[in-house]
Protein backbone atom coordinates (compact mmCIF):
# COMPACT_ATOMS: atom_id res chain seq x y z
CA UNK A 1 -60.09 -81.27 -30.01
CA UNK A 2 -58.88 -79.88 -26.68
CA UNK A 3 -58.47 -76.10 -26.52
CA UNK A 4 -55.11 -74.71 -25.46
CA UNK A 5 -54.43 -71.62 -23.37
CA UNK A 6 -53.74 -69.72 -26.59
CA UNK A 7 -57.08 -70.73 -28.19
CA UNK A 8 -59.19 -69.74 -25.17
CA UNK A 9 -62.13 -67.45 -25.98
CA UNK A 10 -62.45 -64.96 -23.15
CA UNK A 11 -65.79 -63.76 -21.86
CA UNK A 12 -64.09 -61.23 -19.59
CA UNK A 13 -61.23 -58.78 -19.90
CA UNK A 14 -57.97 -60.41 -18.78
CA UNK A 15 -56.03 -58.68 -16.01
CA UNK A 16 -52.31 -58.84 -16.78
CA UNK A 17 -49.85 -59.47 -13.95
CA UNK A 18 -46.05 -60.01 -14.01
CA UNK A 19 -46.59 -63.79 -13.65
CA UNK A 20 -49.32 -64.12 -16.33
CA UNK A 21 -53.00 -63.12 -16.30
CA UNK A 22 -56.40 -63.88 -14.83
CA UNK A 23 -60.00 -63.20 -15.67
CA UNK A 24 -63.06 -63.27 -13.47
CA UNK A 25 -65.59 -65.60 -15.09
CA UNK A 26 -68.30 -65.49 -12.39
CA UNK A 27 -68.95 -63.51 -9.22
CA UNK A 28 -71.70 -62.86 -6.71
CA UNK A 29 -71.69 -61.95 -3.02
CA UNK A 30 -69.68 -64.61 -1.21
CA UNK A 31 -67.80 -66.08 -4.19
CA UNK A 32 -65.77 -65.42 -7.33
CA UNK A 33 -64.51 -67.80 -10.02
CA UNK A 34 -61.34 -66.99 -11.97
CA UNK A 35 -59.44 -68.53 -14.86
CA UNK A 36 -55.74 -68.08 -14.08
CA UNK A 37 -52.89 -68.51 -16.58
CA UNK A 38 -49.37 -68.62 -15.13
CA UNK A 39 -46.69 -68.04 -17.75
CA UNK A 40 -43.74 -70.44 -18.03
CA UNK A 41 -41.41 -69.73 -15.12
CA UNK A 42 -44.03 -67.51 -13.44
CA UNK A 43 -44.76 -67.46 -9.71
CA UNK A 44 -47.42 -65.67 -7.69
CA UNK A 45 -46.39 -64.06 -4.41
CA UNK A 46 -46.36 -66.07 -1.18
CA UNK A 47 -49.52 -64.66 0.36
CA UNK A 48 -52.58 -65.13 2.52
CA UNK A 49 -56.14 -63.84 2.63
CA UNK A 50 -58.01 -62.69 5.74
CA UNK A 51 -61.50 -63.00 4.28
CA UNK A 52 -61.56 -65.84 1.77
CA UNK A 53 -60.60 -69.45 1.16
CA UNK A 54 -59.71 -70.74 -2.31
CA UNK A 55 -60.08 -73.96 -4.30
CA UNK A 56 -57.66 -74.46 -7.21
CA UNK A 57 -58.28 -76.97 -10.00
CA UNK A 58 -55.52 -77.49 -12.57
CA UNK A 59 -56.91 -77.82 -16.10
CA UNK A 60 -53.69 -77.56 -18.14
CA UNK A 61 -50.01 -77.80 -17.28
CA UNK A 62 -48.20 -78.56 -14.04
CA UNK A 63 -48.59 -76.50 -10.87
CA UNK A 64 -46.27 -76.30 -7.90
CA UNK A 65 -48.49 -75.41 -4.96
CA UNK A 66 -47.20 -74.41 -1.55
CA UNK A 67 -49.68 -74.28 1.38
CA UNK A 68 -48.39 -73.45 4.86
CA UNK A 69 -44.87 -74.57 3.95
CA UNK A 70 -45.84 -77.86 2.29
CA UNK A 71 -45.10 -78.03 -1.44
CA UNK A 72 -46.73 -80.43 -3.89
CA UNK A 73 -47.07 -80.88 -7.63
CA UNK A 74 -50.50 -80.89 -9.27
CA UNK A 75 -51.48 -82.00 -12.78
CA UNK A 76 -54.70 -81.62 -14.82
CA UNK A 77 -57.82 -82.77 -12.95
CA UNK A 78 -56.09 -82.42 -9.56
CA UNK A 79 -57.02 -79.80 -7.00
CA UNK A 80 -56.07 -78.22 -3.70
CA UNK A 81 -57.99 -76.34 -1.01
CA UNK A 82 -56.41 -73.18 0.42
CA UNK A 83 -58.02 -72.52 3.83
CA UNK A 84 -58.73 -69.03 5.14
CA UNK A 85 -55.48 -67.39 6.33
CA UNK A 86 -53.23 -70.18 4.97
CA UNK A 87 -49.96 -68.89 3.51
CA UNK A 88 -49.77 -70.11 -0.07
CA UNK A 89 -48.00 -69.74 -3.41
CA UNK A 90 -48.54 -70.96 -6.99
CA UNK A 91 -45.60 -71.54 -9.36
CA UNK A 92 -45.13 -72.78 -12.92
CA UNK A 93 -41.65 -74.29 -13.32
CA UNK A 94 -42.31 -75.62 -16.83
CA UNK A 95 -41.91 -74.16 -20.31
CA UNK A 96 -45.68 -74.31 -21.01
CA UNK A 97 -48.55 -72.19 -19.65
CA UNK A 98 -50.28 -73.37 -16.48
CA UNK A 99 -54.08 -72.92 -16.50
CA UNK A 100 -56.25 -73.34 -13.44
CA UNK A 101 -59.71 -72.47 -12.21
CA UNK A 102 -59.82 -70.73 -8.86
CA UNK A 103 -63.00 -70.61 -6.77
CA UNK A 104 -62.86 -68.02 -4.00
CA UNK A 105 -65.38 -68.28 -1.14
CA UNK A 106 -65.72 -65.80 1.70
CA UNK A 107 -67.20 -62.64 3.08
CA UNK A 108 -65.05 -60.53 0.75
CA UNK A 109 -63.31 -61.57 -2.49
CA UNK A 110 -61.71 -58.27 -3.53
CA UNK A 111 -58.17 -58.02 -4.90
CA UNK A 112 -57.03 -55.97 -1.91
CA UNK A 113 -57.45 -58.94 0.49
CA UNK A 114 -53.86 -60.01 -0.11
CA UNK A 115 -51.08 -59.94 2.46
CA UNK A 116 -47.80 -60.64 0.62
CA UNK A 117 -44.80 -62.22 2.35
CA UNK A 118 -42.46 -62.81 -0.57
CA UNK A 119 -42.63 -61.84 -4.23
CA UNK A 120 -40.12 -62.37 -7.03
CA UNK A 121 -41.45 -59.22 -8.73
CA UNK A 122 -40.82 -56.90 -5.75
CA UNK A 123 -44.48 -56.29 -4.82
CA UNK A 124 -44.08 -56.94 -1.06
């Protein structure tokens, strides 16, 4: 039986955001791995990072991914690479949770390496 976002057993403390939540599931110098859940209708800010690139793999739901102005739809077992300094956004336009695994690689993977350009929750 496939586990749903609701049945997930967390090994880390989830960090709640206006768009959903994330948890760090692995980290060492140079990388971090997160499990991200975007609530129905949720959207992360349009942003970029100065010190890290990201790989996103959709594991449940449908993602709308924008990278440097190009938007595409991703489904489970599809992925996208977000290069260093690329302006990007993740959105869930469905009525079901979107779950993805994010692998961050770079010299610094802290939460303060975010430059926001647009945010539906007023965090710019």
